[in-house]
Amino acid sequence: MTDTRQLFSQQADAYRAGRPTYDPAFFAWLAQVAPSTDRAWDCGCGSGQASLDLARHFQQVVATDINAKQLEQAPREANVDYRCEPAESTSLQPASVDLTLVAQALHWFDVERFYAEVRRVSRPGALLAVVSYNLLNIDERLDALIRHLYHDLVGPYWAPERKHVETGYETIPFPFERVETPPFALEAQWSFQRLVDYLYSWSAVASYRQATGQDPVEALRGELRAAWGEVETRQVSWPLTIRLGRV
């Protein structure tokens, strides 16, 4: 299994600056269908992209990650408790959690041990929500350049676990009673610089730069800029996969 401490420590700043944010309506809906809104667990929280959204709907959010540098980048909120802990063994009390959220992180876990931990800490009727998204979409020309970067330039530098994201976690078992989920979008209005920040947040870009001493994003910047055109911002979207289960 890939050592995510090392993988994400080297790009904590880029990750915080580059990651997209989720639809606020998604978190409001999760709060409605959870058995109560006392406590949510944001597992594999990274630099807290989802933690603050959960904090608007739950009285307490416990946000865990094994990467201390990522947690240092997370925004602080009075009802968010950040803990540097592995997904498979936490300090959460038994039967204390109404919702566990895993956003773009399940592929890094020892899944069987994580599911056992979810069962241990969940209250009766609690929910487990697993969210993933794959490559973004802008327009045909930009999409082709981004896929060239993803597959051809830095492709060999993706961790093996990345393949699970590409399939929407279809190959990872999900042994919970499925809960039907309405469609939610992952969309944003981005500037060109925001797109560049996102590309720099890719772990494979960081690994490529470390291994070769070259910058694959900078090498494509001119072509990306030309394809972007003169507009200030563009609509960006990602295919979003949500698995929701009753524990």
Protein backbone atom coordinates (compact mmCIF):
# COMPACT_ATOMS: atom_id res chain seq x y z
CA MET A 1 0.00 0.00 0.00
CA THR A 2 1.26 3.48 -0.88
CA ASP A 3 2.73 5.55 1.97
CA THR A 4 0.30 8.48 1.88
CA ARG A 5 2.15 10.37 4.60
CA GLN A 6 5.08 10.90 2.27
CA LEU A 7 2.93 11.26 -0.84
CA PHE A 8 0.80 14.11 0.46
CA SER A 9 3.23 15.77 2.87
CA GLN A 10 5.26 17.06 -0.07
CA GLN A 11 2.26 18.86 -1.57
CA ALA A 12 0.13 19.97 1.38
CA ASP A 13 0.10 23.62 0.25
CA ALA A 14 -0.80 22.70 -3.32
CA TYR A 15 -3.54 20.34 -2.15
CA ARG A 16 -5.19 23.02 -0.03
CA ALA A 17 -5.04 25.56 -2.86
CA GLY A 18 -6.07 23.21 -5.64
CA ARG A 19 -8.81 20.87 -4.48
CA PRO A 20 -12.41 21.54 -5.58
CA THR A 21 -15.21 22.05 -3.07
CA TYR A 22 -18.45 20.07 -2.93
CA ASP A 23 -22.05 21.17 -3.42
CA PRO A 24 -23.30 22.64 -0.09
CA ALA A 25 -26.70 21.06 -0.79
CA PHE A 26 -25.09 17.63 -0.47
CA PHE A 27 -24.10 18.23 3.15
CA ALA A 28 -27.49 19.68 4.01
CA TRP A 29 -29.14 16.57 2.58
CA LEU A 30 -26.80 14.24 4.51
CA ALA A 31 -27.79 16.01 7.73
CA GLN A 32 -31.46 15.45 6.90
CA VAL A 33 -31.11 11.69 6.37
CA ALA A 34 -28.66 11.00 9.23
CA PRO A 35 -30.26 9.65 12.44
CA SER A 36 -29.22 12.85 14.25
CA THR A 37 -26.78 15.70 13.78
CA ASP A 38 -24.76 15.29 16.96
CA ARG A 39 -21.48 14.13 15.43
CA ALA A 40 -20.01 13.54 11.96
CA TRP A 41 -16.68 11.91 11.19
CA ASP A 42 -14.76 13.27 8.19
CA CYS A 43 -12.30 10.44 7.60
CA GLY A 44 -9.24 11.08 5.46
CA CYS A 45 -10.11 14.76 5.65
CA GLY A 46 -6.87 16.03 4.10
CA SER A 47 -6.79 19.80 4.52
CA GLY A 48 -10.45 19.99 5.52
CA GLN A 49 -12.25 20.58 2.22
CA ALA A 50 -15.41 18.89 3.48
CA SER A 51 -14.96 19.40 7.22
CA LEU A 52 -16.23 22.98 7.30
CA ASP A 53 -19.28 22.08 5.21
CA LEU A 54 -20.14 19.31 7.67
CA ALA A 55 -19.62 21.74 10.56
CA ARG A 56 -22.48 23.88 9.29
CA HIS A 57 -24.92 21.00 9.81
CA PHE A 58 -23.52 18.89 12.66
CA GLN A 59 -22.90 19.95 16.25
CA GLN A 60 -19.44 18.39 16.20
CA VAL A 61 -17.18 17.18 13.41
CA VAL A 62 -14.24 14.91 14.13
CA ALA A 63 -11.88 15.18 11.14
CA THR A 64 -9.08 12.63 10.92
CA ASP A 65 -6.11 12.14 8.64
CA ILE A 66 -2.74 10.42 9.01
CA ASN A 67 -0.93 13.33 7.41
CA ALA A 68 -0.02 16.01 9.93
CA LYS A 69 1.07 18.49 7.24
CA GLN A 70 -2.33 18.28 5.57
CA LEU A 71 -4.06 18.90 8.89
CA GLU A 72 -1.88 21.97 9.48
CA GLN A 73 -3.42 23.48 6.34
CA ALA A 74 -7.02 22.85 7.45
CA PRO A 75 -9.17 25.87 8.36
CA ARG A 76 -10.11 26.07 12.02
CA GLU A 77 -13.67 26.08 13.32
CA ALA A 78 -14.87 25.80 16.90
CA ASN A 79 -16.87 22.61 16.32
CA VAL A 80 -14.26 20.81 14.18
CA ASP A 81 -11.83 18.59 16.06
CA TYR A 82 -8.85 17.64 13.87
CA ARG A 83 -7.00 14.48 14.88
CA CYS A 84 -3.95 12.90 13.30
CA GLU A 85 -5.14 9.29 13.27
CA PRO A 86 -5.42 6.40 10.82
CA ALA A 87 -8.81 5.56 9.35
CA GLU A 88 -8.62 2.03 10.66
CA SER A 89 -8.01 2.88 14.36
CA THR A 90 -9.32 6.10 15.88
CA SER A 91 -9.93 7.59 19.32
CA LEU A 92 -13.66 7.94 18.60
CA GLN A 93 -15.90 6.37 21.23
CA PRO A 94 -18.09 3.39 20.36
CA ALA A 95 -21.54 4.22 19.00
CA SER A 96 -20.80 7.95 18.89
CA VAL A 97 -21.09 8.90 15.20
CA ASP A 98 -24.18 9.71 13.12
CA LEU A 99 -22.41 10.08 9.77
CA THR A 100 -19.04 9.00 8.45
CA LEU A 101 -17.88 10.79 5.29
CA VAL A 102 -14.98 9.67 3.12
CA ALA A 103 -14.31 12.11 0.29
CA GLN A 104 -11.78 11.02 -2.34
CA ALA A 105 -9.85 8.90 0.16
CA LEU A 106 -11.28 5.36 0.45
CA HIS A 107 -8.71 3.95 -1.98
CA TRP A 108 -5.93 4.71 0.53
CA PHE A 109 -7.50 2.68 3.35
CA ASP A 110 -7.27 -0.92 4.47
CA VAL A 111 -10.94 -1.25 3.62
CA GLU A 112 -11.88 -4.24 5.77
CA ARG A 113 -10.31 -2.72 8.87
CA PHE A 114 -11.84 0.67 8.10
CA TYR A 115 -15.31 -0.83 7.73
CA ALA A 116 -14.84 -2.57 11.08
CA GLU A 117 -13.96 0.81 12.63
CA VAL A 118 -17.03 2.41 11.03
CA ARG A 119 -19.23 -0.27 12.58
CA ARG A 120 -17.58 0.23 15.96
CA VAL A 121 -18.08 4.00 16.13
CA SER A 122 -21.49 4.25 14.43
CA ARG A 123 -24.74 4.72 16.27
CA PRO A 124 -27.73 2.61 15.21
CA GLY A 125 -28.93 3.81 11.82
CA ALA A 126 -25.78 5.87 11.15
CA LEU A 127 -24.68 6.49 7.59
CA LEU A 128 -21.45 5.95 5.67
CA ALA A 129 -21.03 8.23 2.65
CA VAL A 130 -18.19 7.54 0.21
CA VAL A 131 -17.56 10.16 -2.45
CA SER A 132 -15.18 10.14 -5.40
CA TYR A 133 -14.64 12.15 -8.56
CA ASN A 134 -12.53 11.55 -11.64
CA LEU A 135 -11.06 13.90 -14.25
CA LEU A 136 -12.64 17.30 -14.71
CA ASN A 137 -14.45 18.47 -17.84
CA ILE A 138 -14.22 21.96 -19.35
CA ASP A 139 -14.35 21.74 -23.15
CA GLU A 140 -13.04 19.39 -25.82
CA ARG A 141 -9.70 21.11 -26.41
CA LEU A 142 -8.82 21.67 -22.75
CA ASP A 143 -10.03 18.21 -21.79
CA ALA A 144 -7.71 16.64 -24.36
CA LEU A 145 -4.69 18.53 -22.97
CA ILE A 146 -5.55 17.60 -19.38
CA ARG A 147 -5.95 13.95 -20.32
CA HIS A 148 -2.60 14.08 -22.12
CA LEU A 149 -1.05 15.33 -18.88
CA TYR A 150 -2.88 12.71 -16.82
CA HIS A 151 -2.23 9.65 -18.97
CA ASP A 152 0.83 10.35 -21.11
CA LEU A 153 3.05 12.66 -19.08
CA VAL A 154 2.50 11.74 -15.44
CA GLY A 155 0.57 8.48 -15.92
CA PRO A 156 3.37 6.20 -14.64
CA TYR A 157 3.65 8.32 -11.49
CA TRP A 158 0.13 7.72 -10.21
CA ALA A 159 -0.04 5.41 -7.19
CA PRO A 160 -1.59 2.01 -8.02
CA GLU A 161 -4.59 2.83 -5.80
CA ARG A 162 -5.61 5.60 -8.21
CA LYS A 163 -7.28 3.01 -10.45
CA HIS A 164 -10.11 2.74 -7.90
CA VAL A 165 -10.94 6.43 -8.40
CA GLU A 166 -11.04 5.94 -12.17
CA THR A 167 -13.72 3.25 -11.75
CA GLY A 168 -15.76 5.18 -9.18
CA TYR A 169 -14.80 2.64 -6.49
CA GLU A 170 -16.80 -0.06 -8.29
CA THR A 171 -14.10 -2.62 -7.50
CA ILE A 172 -14.13 -1.89 -3.76
CA PRO A 173 -16.75 -3.84 -1.74
CA PHE A 174 -19.45 -1.81 0.01
CA PRO A 175 -21.19 -4.17 2.46
CA PHE A 176 -23.86 -1.78 3.73
CA GLU A 177 -27.54 -1.29 3.06
CA ARG A 178 -27.59 1.12 0.14
CA VAL A 179 -29.49 4.39 0.48
CA GLU A 180 -30.77 6.03 -2.69
CA THR A 181 -29.06 9.36 -3.29
CA PRO A 182 -30.37 12.25 -5.40
CA PRO A 183 -28.01 13.63 -8.05
CA PHE A 184 -25.50 16.20 -6.85
CA ALA A 185 -23.08 18.15 -9.01
CA LEU A 186 -19.44 18.94 -8.49
CA GLU A 187 -19.07 22.17 -10.41
CA ALA A 188 -17.13 25.39 -10.16
CA GLN A 189 -16.44 28.64 -11.97
CA TRP A 190 -12.67 28.79 -12.23
CA SER A 191 -10.01 31.17 -13.46
CA PHE A 192 -7.07 29.85 -15.46
CA GLN A 193 -4.80 30.13 -12.43
CA ARG A 194 -7.25 28.09 -10.37
CA LEU A 195 -7.02 25.34 -12.98
CA VAL A 196 -3.22 25.43 -12.78
CA ASP A 197 -3.40 25.21 -8.98
CA TYR A 198 -5.61 22.14 -9.32
CA LEU A 199 -3.18 20.41 -11.69
CA TYR A 200 -0.34 21.07 -9.25
CA SER A 201 -2.38 19.36 -6.53
CA TRP A 202 -2.17 16.02 -8.37
CA SER A 203 0.06 13.62 -6.47
CA ALA A 204 1.45 12.26 -9.75
CA VAL A 205 2.60 15.75 -10.77
CA ALA A 206 4.51 16.08 -7.48
CA SER A 207 6.03 12.60 -7.92
CA TYR A 208 7.02 13.38 -11.53
CA ARG A 209 8.73 16.63 -10.51
CA GLN A 210 10.58 14.90 -7.70
CA ALA A 211 11.74 12.04 -9.93
CA THR A 212 12.71 14.00 -13.04
CA GLY A 213 13.39 17.55 -11.88
CA GLN A 214 11.00 18.76 -14.60
CA ASP A 215 7.63 20.48 -14.34
CA PRO A 216 4.95 18.86 -16.55
CA VAL A 217 2.35 21.53 -15.83
CA GLU A 218 4.70 24.34 -16.83
CA ALA A 219 5.56 22.42 -20.00
CA LEU A 220 1.87 22.48 -20.98
CA ARG A 221 1.04 25.94 -19.66
CA GLY A 222 1.32 27.67 -23.04
CA GLU A 223 -1.01 25.21 -24.76
CA LEU A 224 -3.43 25.30 -21.85
CA ARG A 225 -3.43 29.11 -21.86
CA ALA A 226 -4.12 29.21 -25.60
CA ALA A 227 -6.95 26.71 -25.26
CA TRP A 228 -8.41 28.65 -22.34
CA GLY A 229 -8.74 31.75 -24.47
CA GLU A 230 -9.47 35.31 -23.38
CA VAL A 231 -12.35 34.56 -21.02
CA GLU A 232 -11.68 35.28 -17.35
CA THR A 233 -13.46 32.21 -15.96
CA ARG A 234 -14.84 28.92 -17.25
CA GLN A 235 -17.33 26.37 -15.98
CA VAL A 236 -15.59 23.26 -14.63
CA SER A 237 -17.29 20.01 -13.67
CA TRP A 238 -16.34 16.55 -12.44
CA PRO A 239 -18.17 13.22 -12.69
CA LEU A 240 -19.23 12.59 -9.08
CA THR A 241 -19.85 9.16 -7.58
CA ILE A 242 -21.64 8.83 -4.23
CA ARG A 243 -22.10 5.58 -2.31
CA LEU A 244 -24.33 5.94 0.72
CA GLY A 245 -25.06 3.10 3.12
CA ARG A 246 -26.83 2.50 6.41
CA VAL A 247 -24.42 0.95 8.91
